[in-house]
PDB file of N, CA and C in Angstrom:
ATOM      1  N   MET A   1       0.848  -1.384  -0.267  1.00  0.00           N
ATOM      2  CA  MET A   1      -0.081   0.036  -0.384  1.00  0.00           C
ATOM      3  C   MET A   1       0.401   1.265  -0.151  1.00  0.00           C
ATOM      4  N   GLN A   2       2.057   0.894   0.790  1.00  0.00           N
ATOM      5  CA  GLN A   2       3.286   2.799   1.024  1.00  0.00           C
ATOM      6  C   GLN A   2       3.486   2.949  -0.979  1.00  0.00           C
ATOM      7  N   ARG A   3       3.827   1.867  -1.229  1.00  0.00           N
ATOM      8  CA  ARG A   3       4.587   1.787  -2.878  1.00  0.00           C
ATOM      9  C   ARG A   3       3.499   2.314  -3.668  1.00  0.00           C
ATOM     10  N   ALA A   4       2.325   2.027  -3.645  1.00  0.00           N
ATOM     11  CA  ALA A   4       0.992   2.270  -4.204  1.00  0.00           C
ATOM     12  C   ALA A   4       0.349   3.709  -4.161  1.00  0.00           C
ATOM     13  N   ARG A   5       0.705   3.990  -2.664  1.00  0.00           N
ATOM     14  CA  ARG A   5       0.728   5.631  -2.313  1.00  0.00           C
ATOM     15  C   ARG A   5       1.494   6.102  -2.987  1.00  0.00           C
ATOM     16  N   LYS A   6       3.152   6.204  -2.612  1.00  0.00           N
ATOM     17  CA  LYS A   6       3.903   6.496  -3.265  1.00  0.00           C
ATOM     18  C   LYS A   6       3.916   6.778  -4.935  1.00  0.00           C
ATOM     19  N   GLU A   7       3.824   6.075  -5.648  1.00  0.00           N
ATOM     20  CA  GLU A   7       3.487   5.993  -7.288  1.00  0.00           C
ATOM     21  C   GLU A   7       2.527   6.829  -7.450  1.00  0.00           C
ATOM     22  N   ALA A   8       1.403   6.587  -6.448  1.00  0.00           N
ATOM     23  CA  ALA A   8       0.348   7.729  -7.685  1.00  0.00           C
ATOM     24  C   ALA A   8       0.255   8.928  -6.923  1.00  0.00           C
ATOM     25  N   ASP A   9       1.366   9.481  -6.013  1.00  0.00           N
ATOM     26  CA  ASP A   9       1.980  11.133  -5.159  1.00  0.00           C
ATOM     27  C   ASP A   9       2.754  11.008  -6.649  1.00  0.00           C
ATOM     28  N   ASP A  10       3.575  10.574  -6.904  1.00  0.00           N
ATOM     29  CA  ASP A  10       4.725  10.586  -8.557  1.00  0.00           C
ATOM     30  C   ASP A  10       3.211  11.268  -9.179  1.00  0.00           C
ATOM     31  N   MET A  11       2.977  10.207  -9.890  1.00  0.00           N
ATOM     32  CA  MET A  11       1.854  10.661 -10.786  1.00  0.00           C
ATOM     33  C   MET A  11       0.960  11.828 -10.582  1.00  0.00           C
ATOM     34  N   ARG A  12       0.497  12.224  -9.666  1.00  0.00           N
ATOM     35  CA  ARG A  12      -0.315  13.402  -9.480  1.00  0.00           C
ATOM     36  C   ARG A  12       0.865  14.082  -9.719  1.00  0.00           C
ATOM     37  N   THR A  13       2.158  14.380  -9.170  1.00  0.00           N
ATOM     38  CA  THR A  13       2.888  14.997  -9.190  1.00  0.00           C
ATOM     39  C   THR A  13       3.203  15.613 -10.725  1.00  0.00           C
ATOM     40  N   LEU A  14       3.667  14.553 -11.333  1.00  0.00           N
ATOM     41  CA  LEU A  14       3.941  13.991 -12.640  1.00  0.00           C
ATOM     42  C   LEU A  14       3.012  15.076 -13.662  1.00  0.00           C
ATOM     43  N   LEU A  15       1.178  15.362 -13.514  1.00  0.00           N
ATOM     44  CA  LEU A  15       0.583  15.503 -13.936  1.00  0.00           C
ATOM     45  C   LEU A  15       0.406  17.147 -13.742  1.00  0.00           C
ATOM     46  N   GLN A  16       0.212  17.373 -12.486  1.00  0.00           N
ATOM     47  CA  GLN A  16       1.011  18.722 -12.211  1.00  0.00           C
ATOM     48  C   GLN A  16       1.772  19.466 -12.901  1.00  0.00           C
ATOM     49  N   ARG A  17       2.565  18.826 -13.029  1.00  0.00           N
ATOM     50  CA  ARG A  17       4.031  19.962 -13.946  1.00  0.00           C
ATOM     51  C   ARG A  17       3.427  19.877 -15.713  1.00  0.00           C
ATOM     52  N   GLN A  18       3.213  19.247 -15.679  1.00  0.00           N
ATOM     53  CA  GLN A  18       2.110  18.930 -17.270  1.00  0.00           C
ATOM     54  C   GLN A  18       1.498  20.166 -17.040  1.00  0.00           C
ATOM     55  N   GLN A  19       0.622  19.998 -16.115  1.00  0.00           N
ATOM     56  CA  GLN A  19      -0.497  21.617 -16.185  1.00  0.00           C
ATOM     57  C   GLN A  19       0.539  23.159 -16.183  1.00  0.00           C
ATOM     58  N   VAL A  20       1.290  23.265 -15.423  1.00  0.00           N
ATOM     59  CA  VAL A  20       1.908  23.987 -15.768  1.00  0.00           C
ATOM     60  C   VAL A  20       2.581  24.270 -17.089  1.00  0.00           C
ATOM     61  N   ALA A  21       3.345  23.384 -17.211  1.00  0.00           N
ATOM     62  CA  ALA A  21       4.349  23.625 -18.408  1.00  0.00           C
ATOM     63  C   ALA A  21       2.800  23.914 -19.699  1.00  0.00           C
ATOM     64  N   ILE A  22       2.369  23.334 -20.112  1.00  0.00           N
ATOM     65  CA  ILE A  22       1.219  23.656 -20.650  1.00  0.00           C
ATOM     66  C   ILE A  22       0.579  25.211 -20.174  1.00  0.00           C
ATOM     67  N   ASP A  23       0.505  25.676 -19.347  1.00  0.00           N
ATOM     68  CA  ASP A  23      -0.217  27.202 -19.164  1.00  0.00           C
ATOM     69  C   ASP A  23       1.277  27.701 -19.457  1.00  0.00           C
ATOM     70  N   LYS A  24       2.457  27.255 -18.943  1.00  0.00           N
ATOM     71  CA  LYS A  24       3.910  28.583 -19.854  1.00  0.00           C
ATOM     72  C   LYS A  24       3.655  28.253 -21.438  1.00  0.00           C
ATOM     73  N   ALA A  25       3.435  26.810 -21.840  1.00  0.00           N
ATOM     74  CA  ALA A  25       3.351  26.979 -23.331  1.00  0.00           C
ATOM     75  C   ALA A  25       2.493  27.919 -23.901  1.00  0.00           C
ATOM     76  N   GLU A  26       1.405  27.649 -23.056  1.00  0.00           N
ATOM     77  CA  GLU A  26       0.014  28.650 -23.967  1.00  0.00           C
ATOM     78  C   GLU A  26       0.228  30.585 -23.926  1.00  0.00           C
ATOM     79  N   ALA A  27       1.524  30.342 -22.839  1.00  0.00           N
ATOM     80  CA  ALA A  27       0.934  31.890 -22.231  1.00  0.00           C
ATOM     81  C   ALA A  27       2.245  32.281 -23.479  1.00  0.00           C
ATOM     82  N   ASN A  28       3.474  32.144 -23.982  1.00  0.00           N
ATOM     83  CA  ASN A  28       4.221  31.880 -24.925  1.00  0.00           C
ATOM     84  C   ASN A  28       3.733  31.882 -26.303  1.00  0.00           C
ATOM     85  N   LEU A  29       2.540  31.197 -26.740  1.00  0.00           N
ATOM     86  CA  LEU A  29       2.095  31.245 -27.773  1.00  0.00           C
ATOM     87  C   LEU A  29       1.161  32.214 -28.187  1.00  0.00           C
ATOM     88  N   ARG A  30       0.334  32.688 -26.893  1.00  0.00           N
ATOM     89  CA  ARG A  30      -0.731  33.910 -26.757  1.00  0.00           C
ATOM     90  C   ARG A  30       0.451  35.112 -27.550  1.00  0.00           C
ATOM     91  N   GLN A  31       1.348  35.362 -26.758  1.00  0.00           N
ATOM     92  CA  GLN A  31       2.085  36.301 -26.739  1.00  0.00           C
ATOM     93  C   GLN A  31       2.764  36.703 -28.129  1.00  0.00           C
ATOM     94  N   HIS A  32       3.244  35.278 -28.918  1.00  0.00           N
ATOM     95  CA  HIS A  32       3.166  35.234 -30.348  1.00  0.00           C
ATOM     96  C   HIS A  32       2.550  35.974 -30.982  1.00  0.00           C
ATOM     97  N   THR A  33       1.114  35.579 -30.983  1.00  0.00           N
ATOM     98  CA  THR A  33      -0.274  35.827 -31.617  1.00  0.00           C
ATOM     99  C   THR A  33      -0.246  37.864 -31.123  1.00  0.00           C
ATOM    100  N   LEU A  34       0.165  38.087 -30.241  1.00  0.00           N
ATOM    101  CA  LEU A  34       0.222  39.472 -29.829  1.00  0.00           C
ATOM    102  C   LEU A  34       0.872  40.465 -30.611  1.00  0.00           C
ATOM    103  N   PHE A  35       2.119  39.747 -31.267  1.00  0.00           N
ATOM    104  CA  PHE A  35       2.744  40.561 -32.643  1.00  0.00           C
ATOM    105  C   PHE A  35       2.168  40.220 -33.847  1.00  0.00           C
ATOM    106  N   ASP A  36       1.173  39.998 -33.463  1.00  0.00           N
ATOM    107  CA  ASP A  36       0.472  39.776 -34.782  1.00  0.00           C
ATOM    108  C   ASP A  36       1.333  38.809 -36.491  1.00  0.00           C
ATOM    109  N   VAL A  37       1.485  37.919 -36.159  1.00  0.00           N
ATOM    110  CA  VAL A  37       1.963  36.417 -37.083  1.00  0.00           C
ATOM    111  C   VAL A  37       1.654  36.683 -38.573  1.00  0.00           C
ATOM    112  N   GLN A  38       2.728  37.754 -39.673  1.00  0.00           N
ATOM    113  CA  GLN A  38       2.117  37.786 -40.679  1.00  0.00           C
ATOM    114  C   GLN A  38       1.632  36.584 -42.109  1.00  0.00           C
ATOM    115  N   ASP A  39       3.166  35.246 -41.590  1.00  0.00           N
ATOM    116  CA  ASP A  39       2.716  34.666 -42.423  1.00  0.00           C
ATOM    117  C   ASP A  39       1.287  33.756 -42.047  1.00  0.00           C
ATOM    118  N   LYS A  40       0.764  33.264 -43.267  1.00  0.00           N
ATOM    119  CA  LYS A  40      -0.552  32.549 -43.163  1.00  0.00           C
ATOM    120  C   LYS A  40      -0.286  31.875 -42.704  1.00  0.00           C
ATOM    121  N   ASP A  41       0.557  30.744 -42.560  1.00  0.00           N
ATOM    122  CA  ASP A  41       0.860  29.392 -42.283  1.00  0.00           C
ATOM    123  C   ASP A  41       1.097  29.441 -41.342  1.00  0.00           C
ATOM    124  N   GLN A  42       1.898  30.177 -40.147  1.00  0.00           N
ATOM    125  CA  GLN A  42       2.327  30.377 -39.286  1.00  0.00           C
ATOM    126  C   GLN A  42       1.497  30.697 -38.277  1.00  0.00           C
ATOM    127  N   LYS A  43       0.347  31.146 -38.769  1.00  0.00           N
ATOM    128  CA  LYS A  43      -0.565  31.870 -37.517  1.00  0.00           C
ATOM    129  C   LYS A  43      -1.345  30.681 -37.814  1.00  0.00           C
ATOM    130  N   ARG A  44      -1.443  30.005 -37.600  1.00  0.00           N
ATOM    131  CA  ARG A  44      -2.682  28.483 -38.973  1.00  0.00           C
ATOM    132  C   ARG A  44      -1.936  27.699 -37.588  1.00  0.00           C
ATOM    133  N   GLN A  45      -0.758  27.619 -37.683  1.00  0.00           N
ATOM    134  CA  GLN A  45       0.289  26.713 -36.742  1.00  0.00           C
ATOM    135  C   GLN A  45      -0.324  27.055 -35.368  1.00  0.00           C
ATOM    136  N   VAL A  46      -0.187  28.333 -34.912  1.00  0.00           N
ATOM    137  CA  VAL A  46       0.002  28.503 -33.892  1.00  0.00           C
ATOM    138  C   VAL A  46      -1.850  28.462 -33.436  1.00  0.00           C
ATOM    139  N   GLU A  47      -2.567  29.028 -33.739  1.00  0.00           N
ATOM    140  CA  GLU A  47      -4.171  28.301 -34.217  1.00  0.00           C
ATOM    141  C   GLU A  47      -4.448  26.806 -33.719  1.00  0.00           C
ATOM    142  N   LEU A  48      -3.631  25.925 -34.417  1.00  0.00           N
ATOM    143  CA  LEU A  48      -3.856  24.517 -33.906  1.00  0.00           C
ATOM    144  C   LEU A  48      -2.807  24.165 -32.596  1.00  0.00           C
ATOM    145  N   ASP A  49      -1.718  24.997 -32.725  1.00  0.00           N
ATOM    146  CA  ASP A  49      -0.949  24.436 -31.325  1.00  0.00           C
ATOM    147  C   ASP A  49      -1.807  24.975 -30.384  1.00  0.00           C
ATOM    148  N   LEU A  50      -2.349  25.835 -30.276  1.00  0.00           N
ATOM    149  CA  LEU A  50      -3.220  26.527 -29.176  1.00  0.00           C
ATOM    150  C   LEU A  50      -4.347  25.403 -29.056  1.00  0.00           C
ATOM    151  N   GLN A  51      -5.015  24.959 -29.740  1.00  0.00           N
ATOM    152  CA  GLN A  51      -6.436  23.967 -29.911  1.00  0.00           C
ATOM    153  C   GLN A  51      -5.605  23.033 -29.237  1.00  0.00           C
ATOM    154  N   HIS A  52      -4.538  22.176 -29.765  1.00  0.00           N
ATOM    155  CA  HIS A  52      -3.920  20.774 -29.257  1.00  0.00           C
ATOM    156  C   HIS A  52      -3.715  20.930 -27.431  1.00  0.00           C
ATOM    157  N   LEU A  53      -3.135  22.509 -27.088  1.00  0.00           N
ATOM    158  CA  LEU A  53      -2.527  22.622 -25.671  1.00  0.00           C
ATOM    159  C   LEU A  53      -4.230  22.344 -24.844  1.00  0.00           C
ATOM    160  N   GLU A  54      -5.346  23.400 -25.745  1.00  0.00           N
ATOM    161  CA  GLU A  54      -6.905  22.706 -24.879  1.00  0.00           C
ATOM    162  C   GLU A  54      -6.729  21.793 -24.083  1.00  0.00           C
ATOM    163  N   ARG A  55      -6.894  20.773 -25.566  1.00  0.00           N
ATOM    164  CA  ARG A  55      -7.831  19.365 -25.675  1.00  0.00           C
ATOM    165  C   ARG A  55      -6.802  18.985 -24.290  1.00  0.00           C
ATOM    166  N   ARG A  56      -4.902  19.213 -24.442  1.00  0.00           N
ATOM    167  CA  ARG A  56      -4.094  18.463 -23.543  1.00  0.00           C
ATOM    168  C   ARG A  56      -4.703  19.098 -21.964  1.00  0.00           C
ATOM    169  N   ARG A  57      -5.159  19.941 -21.778  1.00  0.00           N
ATOM    170  CA  ARG A  57      -5.512  20.645 -20.752  1.00  0.00           C
ATOM    171  C   ARG A  57      -6.565  20.061 -19.956  1.00  0.00           C
ATOM    172  N   GLY A  58      -7.796  19.923 -20.836  1.00  0.00           N
ATOM    173  CA  GLY A  58      -9.056  18.839 -20.807  1.00  0.00           C
ATOM    174  C   GLY A  58      -8.187  17.350 -20.126  1.00  0.00           C
ATOM    175  N   ASP A  59      -7.491  16.744 -21.112  1.00  0.00           N
ATOM    176  CA  ASP A  59      -7.119  15.796 -20.612  1.00  0.00           C
ATOM    177  C   ASP A  59      -6.477  15.141 -19.442  1.00  0.00           C
ATOM    178  N   ALA A  60      -5.826  16.416 -19.488  1.00  0.00           N
ATOM    179  CA  ALA A  60      -4.412  16.518 -18.112  1.00  0.00           C
ATOM    180  C   ALA A  60      -5.272  16.308 -16.887  1.00  0.00           C
ATOM    181  N   ALA A  61      -6.188  16.829 -16.768  1.00  0.00           N
ATOM    182  CA  ALA A  61      -7.501  17.501 -15.187  1.00  0.00           C
ATOM    183  C   ALA A  61      -7.894  16.177 -15.194  1.00  0.00           C
ATOM    184  N   LYS A  62      -8.295  15.331 -15.646  1.00  0.00           N
ATOM    185  CA  LYS A  62      -8.911  13.895 -16.344  1.00  0.00           C
ATOM    186  C   LYS A  62      -8.151  13.044 -15.290  1.00  0.00           C
ATOM    187  N   GLU A  63      -7.028  12.843 -16.457  1.00  0.00           N
ATOM    188  CA  GLU A  63      -5.721  12.236 -15.621  1.00  0.00           C
ATOM    189  C   GLU A  63      -5.587  12.000 -14.587  1.00  0.00           C
ATOM    190  N   LEU A  64      -6.059  13.720 -13.802  1.00  0.00           N
ATOM    191  CA  LEU A  64      -4.979  13.521 -12.300  1.00  0.00           C
ATOM    192  C   LEU A  64      -6.004  13.034 -11.760  1.00  0.00           C
ATOM    193  N   ILE A  65      -7.324  12.833 -11.963  1.00  0.00           N
ATOM    194  CA  ILE A  65      -8.360  11.998 -10.903  1.00  0.00           C
ATOM    195  C   ILE A  65      -8.112  10.679 -11.486  1.00  0.00           C
ATOM    196  N   SER A  66      -7.677  10.210 -13.003  1.00  0.00           N
ATOM    197  CA  SER A  66      -8.255   8.496 -12.538  1.00  0.00           C
ATOM    198  C   SER A  66      -6.934   7.905 -12.813  1.00  0.00           C
ATOM    199  N   GLU A  67      -5.707   8.097 -13.150  1.00  0.00           N
ATOM    200  CA  GLU A  67      -4.561   7.801 -13.305  1.00  0.00           C
ATOM    201  C   GLU A  67      -4.035   7.363 -11.975  1.00  0.00           C
ATOM    202  N   PRO A  68      -3.795   8.410 -11.061  1.00  0.00           N
ATOM    203  CA  PRO A  68      -3.473   7.746  -8.877  1.00  0.00           C
ATOM    204  C   PRO A  68      -4.429   6.914  -8.906  1.00  0.00           C
ATOM    205  N   GLU A  69      -5.574   6.810  -9.348  1.00  0.00           N
ATOM    206  CA  GLU A  69      -6.649   5.958  -8.771  1.00  0.00           C
ATOM    207  C   GLU A  69      -6.073   4.631  -9.354  1.00  0.00           C
ATOM    208  N   ALA A  70      -6.058   4.689 -10.910  1.00  0.00           N
ATOM    209  CA  ALA A  70      -5.926   3.437 -11.395  1.00  0.00           C
ATOM    210  C   ALA A  70      -4.182   2.505 -11.084  1.00  0.00           C
ATOM    211  N   ILE A  71      -3.688   3.387 -10.964  1.00  0.00           N
ATOM    212  CA  ILE A  71      -1.904   3.312  -9.921  1.00  0.00           C
ATOM    213  C   ILE A  71      -2.418   2.162  -8.571  1.00  0.00           C
ATOM    214  N   GLU A  72      -3.055   3.243  -7.974  1.00  0.00           N
ATOM    215  CA  GLU A  72      -3.339   2.569  -6.530  1.00  0.00           C
ATOM    216  C   GLU A  72      -4.400   1.388  -6.577  1.00  0.00           C
ATOM    217  N   ALA A  73      -5.018   1.334  -7.609  1.00  0.00           N
ATOM    218  CA  ALA A  73      -6.274  -0.087  -7.987  1.00  0.00           C
ATOM    219  C   ALA A  73      -4.779  -1.234  -8.506  1.00  0.00           C
ATOM    220  N   LEU A  74      -3.940  -1.015  -8.883  1.00  0.00           N
ATOM    221  CA  LEU A  74      -3.029  -2.113  -9.772  1.00  0.00           C
ATOM    222  C   LEU A  74      -2.519  -2.480  -8.439  1.00  0.00           C
ATOM    223  N   TYR A  75      -2.231  -1.795  -7.103  1.00  0.00           N
ATOM    224  CA  TYR A  75      -1.811  -3.161  -5.884  1.00  0.00           C
ATOM    225  C   TYR A  75      -2.792  -3.376  -5.086  1.00  0.00           C
ATOM    226  N   GLU A  76      -4.069  -3.615  -5.190  1.00  0.00           N
ATOM    227  CA  GLU A  76      -4.574  -4.378  -4.892  1.00  0.00           C
ATOM    228  C   GLU A  76      -4.297  -5.122  -4.407  1.00  0.00           C
ATOM    229  N   VAL A  77      -4.981  -6.362  -3.669  1.00  0.00           N
ATOM    230  CA  VAL A  77      -4.998  -7.914  -3.630  1.00  0.00           C
ATOM    231  C   VAL A  77      -6.172  -8.352  -3.860  1.00  0.00           C
ATOM    232  N   LYS A  78      -6.672  -9.236  -4.704  1.00  0.00           N
ATOM    233  CA  LYS A  78      -7.665  -9.174  -5.416  1.00  0.00           C
ATOM    234  C   LYS A  78      -8.363 -10.572  -4.996  1.00  0.00           C
ATOM    235  N   MET A  79      -7.228 -11.588  -5.046  1.00  0.00           N
ATOM    236  CA  MET A  79      -7.744 -12.798  -5.385  1.00  0.00           C
ATOM    237  C   MET A  79      -6.749 -13.271  -3.632  1.00  0.00           C
ATOM    238  N   THR A  80      -6.675 -14.105  -2.924  1.00  0.00           N
ATOM    239  CA  THR A  80      -5.770 -15.282  -2.418  1.00  0.00           C
ATOM    240  C   THR A  80      -5.547 -16.793  -2.841  1.00  0.00           C
ATOM    241  N   ARG A  81      -4.627 -16.990  -2.576  1.00  0.00           N
ATOM    242  CA  ARG A  81      -4.496 -18.585  -3.412  1.00  0.00           C
ATOM    243  C   ARG A  81      -4.036 -19.560  -1.748  1.00  0.00           C
ATOM    244  N   LEU A  82      -4.716 -20.610  -1.994  1.00  0.00           N
ATOM    245  CA  LEU A  82      -3.637 -21.616  -1.181  1.00  0.00           C
ATOM    246  C   LEU A  82      -3.484 -23.093  -1.912  1.00  0.00           C
ATOM    247  N   THR A  83      -2.387 -23.313  -1.827  1.00  0.00           N
ATOM    248  CA  THR A  83      -1.722 -24.555  -2.691  1.00  0.00           C
ATOM    249  C   THR A  83      -1.223 -25.400  -1.798  1.00  0.00           C
ATOM    250  N   PRO A  84      -1.866 -26.330  -1.750  1.00  0.00           N
ATOM    251  CA  PRO A  84      -1.219 -27.402  -0.897  1.00  0.00           C
ATOM    252  C   PRO A  84      -0.073 -27.622  -1.724  1.00  0.00           C
ATOM    253  N   VAL A  85       0.966 -27.838  -0.960  1.00  0.00           N
ATOM    254  CA  VAL A  85       2.591 -28.162  -0.877  1.00  0.00           C
ATOM    255  C   VAL A  85       2.679 -29.980  -1.123  1.00  0.00           C
ATOM    256  N   GLY A  86       1.705 -30.339   0.371  1.00  0.00           N
ATOM    257  CA  GLY A  86       2.336 -32.007   0.553  1.00  0.00           C
ATOM    258  C   GLY A  86       1.318 -32.655   1.194  1.00  0.00           C
ATOM    259  N   LEU A  87       1.090 -33.661   1.450  1.00  0.00           N
ATOM    260  CA  LEU A  87       0.624 -35.012   2.482  1.00  0.00           C
ATOM    261  C   LEU A  87       1.277 -35.561   2.821  1.00  0.00           C
ATOM    262  N   VAL A  88       1.028 -35.700   4.426  1.00  0.00           N
ATOM    263  CA  VAL A  88       1.842 -36.481   4.754  1.00  0.00           C
ATOM    264  C   VAL A  88       0.868 -37.150   5.897  1.00  0.00           C
ATOM    265  N   VAL A  89       1.145 -39.141   5.765  1.00  0.00           N
ATOM    266  CA  VAL A  89       0.265 -39.956   6.198  1.00  0.00           C
ATOM    267  C   VAL A  89       0.935 -40.449   7.742  1.00  0.00           C
ATOM    268  N   VAL A  90       0.695 -40.500   8.437  1.00  0.00           N
ATOM    269  CA  VAL A  90       0.938 -41.313   9.590  1.00  0.00           C
ATOM    270  C   VAL A  90       0.349 -42.722   9.572  1.00  0.00           C
ATOM    271  N   TRP A  91       1.013 -43.542   9.655  1.00  0.00           N
ATOM    272  CA  TRP A  91       0.520 -44.776   9.571  1.00  0.00           C
ATOM    273  C   TRP A  91       1.268 -45.391  11.351  1.00  0.00           C
ATOM    274  N   PRO A  92       0.052 -45.821  12.079  1.00  0.00           N
ATOM    275  CA  PRO A  92       0.154 -46.085  13.530  1.00  0.00           C
ATOM    276  C   PRO A  92       1.354 -47.740  13.548  1.00  0.00           C
ATOM    277  N   GLY A  93       2.292 -48.149  14.053  1.00  0.00           N
ATOM    278  CA  GLY A  93       2.694 -48.923  13.633  1.00  0.00           C
ATOM    279  C   GLY A  93       2.298 -50.739  14.281  1.00  0.00           C
ATOM    280  N   ALA A  94       1.215 -50.540  15.004  1.00  0.00           N
ATOM    281  CA  ALA A  94       0.089 -51.427  15.424  1.00  0.00           C
ATOM    282  C   ALA A  94      -1.154 -52.243  14.370  1.00  0.00           C
ATOM    283  N   MET A  95      -0.997 -51.564  13.584  1.00  0.00           N
ATOM    284  CA  MET A  95      -1.911 -51.854  12.522  1.00  0.00           C
ATOM    285  C   MET A  95      -1.425 -52.189  11.161  1.00  0.00           C
ATOM    286  N   ALA A  96       0.258 -52.467  11.439  1.00  0.00           N
ATOM    287  CA  ALA A  96       0.266 -52.751  10.182  1.00  0.00           C
ATOM    288  C   ALA A  96       0.944 -54.117  10.412  1.00  0.00           C
TER     289      ALA A  96
END
């Protein structure tokens, strides 16, 4: 359980860092649009990048909830098994 919690916390930290990186990248791209990119292809690429970042932000928010839970679920014990390893028979000497 400790390892599951640690890995889930590490995943949360990673996803939160991704959200910060997405915010920085979006701010950087929006700053470029402030200078009015003149090239039509470059402007289209900036718009596509902004759309992608917006989708990724939504996905990351969902993953922040689902992924740590999925990691913890991997460590849950769902089934226990009992496997016989041998059989010992004691036979009294008087019955022989």
